[in-house]
Amino acid sequence: MELRRLNSTDRPAMDRLHASMQLGYDLPENFFVKLGIFDGPLRVALLGRKTSEAYLLLDQNWSSPRERWDAIQRLIVTGAQQAKLDGIDDVNVWLPPSVENRFAKRLADFAFVKAPWNCYTARL
């Protein structure tokens, strides 16, 4: 078995391996971690993609609810623009149960959707 960094010539093998798993999503393009195990053909691949986790800090006593929401909207738009410039393809927002009912509806206005898969986190 050989472990090595994957390169652009390995993309067809990655696509075949991904398609054979029938996971129901397209394989993204932009990976910064690309490792593969070869035993002849590619047998296992680990791919890492840049993503972002957003945190909102808010003084809940500042101004009116409308002005706070206007400020949040401006931050979301500007933050998305900055993330794209930095090569980020998507952003994750983790909502505490105490605010999910209210805030999830507002996030939907910015094309946020509830993730269909469960998330597991590892600190590196």
Protein backbone atom coordinates (compact mmCIF):
# COMPACT_ATOMS: atom_id res chain seq x y z
CA MET A 1 0.00 0.00 0.00
CA GLU A 2 1.19 3.47 -0.88
CA LEU A 3 0.01 6.65 0.87
CA ARG A 4 0.61 9.81 -1.12
CA ARG A 5 -0.73 13.26 -1.83
CA LEU A 6 -3.32 13.26 -4.62
CA ASN A 7 -2.84 15.49 -7.65
CA SER A 8 -4.94 16.61 -10.62
CA THR A 9 -4.23 13.40 -12.55
CA ASP A 10 -5.93 11.45 -9.73
CA ARG A 11 -9.25 13.31 -10.16
CA PRO A 12 -10.85 10.66 -12.44
CA ALA A 13 -10.03 7.95 -9.88
CA MET A 14 -11.45 10.13 -7.09
CA ASP A 15 -14.63 10.69 -9.12
CA ARG A 16 -15.01 6.94 -9.81
CA LEU A 17 -14.49 6.08 -6.15
CA HIS A 18 -16.98 8.75 -5.07
CA ALA A 19 -19.59 7.64 -7.65
CA SER A 20 -19.28 4.01 -6.53
CA MET A 21 -20.30 5.04 -3.00
CA GLN A 22 -23.68 6.42 -4.22
CA LEU A 23 -23.87 9.13 -1.56
CA GLY A 24 -26.20 11.44 -3.48
CA TYR A 25 -24.05 14.57 -3.73
CA ASP A 26 -21.53 15.96 -6.20
CA LEU A 27 -17.88 15.84 -5.23
CA PRO A 28 -16.62 19.42 -4.74
CA GLU A 29 -13.59 20.78 -6.57
CA ASN A 30 -11.55 22.78 -4.07
CA PHE A 31 -9.64 20.55 -1.67
CA PHE A 32 -6.57 21.59 0.28
CA VAL A 33 -6.04 18.18 1.92
CA LYS A 34 -5.79 15.42 -0.70
CA LEU A 35 -4.42 12.10 0.44
CA GLY A 36 -4.86 8.67 -1.05
CA ILE A 37 -4.08 5.04 -0.36
CA PHE A 38 -3.14 3.08 -3.46
CA ASP A 39 -2.93 -0.68 -3.84
CA GLY A 40 -2.63 -0.44 -7.60
CA PRO A 41 -5.71 1.79 -8.09
CA LEU A 42 -6.91 4.40 -5.61
CA ARG A 43 -8.62 2.53 -2.75
CA VAL A 44 -9.19 5.19 -0.08
CA ALA A 45 -9.05 8.98 -0.20
CA LEU A 46 -9.21 11.67 2.47
CA LEU A 47 -10.19 15.09 1.15
CA GLY A 48 -10.34 18.30 3.15
CA ARG A 49 -12.17 21.39 1.94
CA LYS A 50 -12.03 24.89 3.35
CA THR A 51 -15.21 25.86 5.12
CA SER A 52 -16.01 28.32 7.85
CA GLU A 53 -17.88 28.40 11.12
CA ALA A 54 -19.55 31.72 11.91
CA TYR A 55 -20.06 33.14 15.39
CA LEU A 56 -22.40 36.03 16.17
CA LEU A 57 -21.70 38.22 19.19
CA LEU A 58 -24.52 40.65 19.97
CA ASP A 59 -25.32 43.19 22.67
CA GLN A 60 -29.00 42.33 23.10
CA ASN A 61 -29.64 45.61 24.94
CA TRP A 62 -28.34 47.81 22.12
CA SER A 63 -30.83 49.87 20.16
CA SER A 64 -34.03 48.36 18.74
CA PRO A 65 -34.64 44.82 17.47
CA ARG A 66 -34.98 46.25 13.94
CA GLU A 67 -31.62 48.04 14.11
CA ARG A 68 -29.92 44.94 15.56
CA TRP A 69 -31.34 42.83 12.70
CA ASP A 70 -30.20 45.42 10.14
CA ALA A 71 -26.69 45.26 11.59
CA ILE A 72 -26.68 41.45 11.51
CA GLN A 73 -27.81 41.46 7.87
CA ARG A 74 -24.99 43.83 6.91
CA LEU A 75 -22.49 41.58 8.68
CA ILE A 76 -23.80 38.44 6.95
CA VAL A 77 -23.53 40.02 3.49
CA THR A 78 -20.10 41.55 4.08
CA GLY A 79 -18.82 38.42 5.81
CA ALA A 80 -19.93 36.23 2.90
CA GLN A 81 -18.12 38.49 0.45
CA GLN A 82 -14.94 38.36 2.53
CA ALA A 83 -15.13 34.57 2.90
CA LYS A 84 -15.44 34.14 -0.88
CA LEU A 85 -12.36 36.30 -1.40
CA ASP A 86 -10.52 34.07 1.08
CA GLY A 87 -11.43 30.90 -0.83
CA ILE A 88 -14.23 29.71 1.44
CA ASP A 89 -17.07 27.91 -0.34
CA ASP A 90 -19.52 27.60 2.53
CA VAL A 91 -20.16 28.61 6.11
CA ASN A 92 -21.68 26.71 9.01
CA VAL A 93 -23.74 28.26 11.78
CA TRP A 94 -24.48 26.26 14.91
CA LEU A 95 -27.64 27.49 16.64
CA PRO A 96 -28.30 26.80 20.31
CA PRO A 97 -31.76 25.30 20.87
CA SER A 98 -32.78 28.46 22.76
CA VAL A 99 -32.58 30.60 19.59
CA GLU A 100 -33.07 28.10 16.78
CA ASN A 101 -36.84 28.60 16.39
CA ARG A 102 -36.43 32.37 15.95
CA PHE A 103 -33.13 32.67 14.15
CA ALA A 104 -33.31 29.74 11.70
CA LYS A 105 -36.14 31.48 9.86
CA ARG A 106 -34.02 34.61 9.47
CA LEU A 107 -31.01 32.63 8.24
CA ALA A 108 -33.21 31.06 5.56
CA ASP A 109 -33.46 34.52 3.99
CA PHE A 110 -29.72 34.21 3.28
CA ALA A 111 -29.97 30.69 1.78
CA PHE A 112 -28.92 28.88 4.96
CA VAL A 113 -30.53 25.44 5.22
CA LYS A 114 -30.51 22.96 8.05
CA ALA A 115 -27.84 20.36 7.37
CA PRO A 116 -29.28 16.97 6.46
CA TRP A 117 -26.39 15.07 8.03
CA ASN A 118 -25.17 14.91 11.61
CA CYS A 119 -21.91 16.68 12.32
CA TYR A 120 -19.00 15.34 14.36
CA THR A 121 -16.16 17.64 15.40
CA ALA A 122 -12.49 16.99 16.16
CA ARG A 123 -10.19 19.62 17.64
CA LEU A 124 -6.77 19.46 15.99
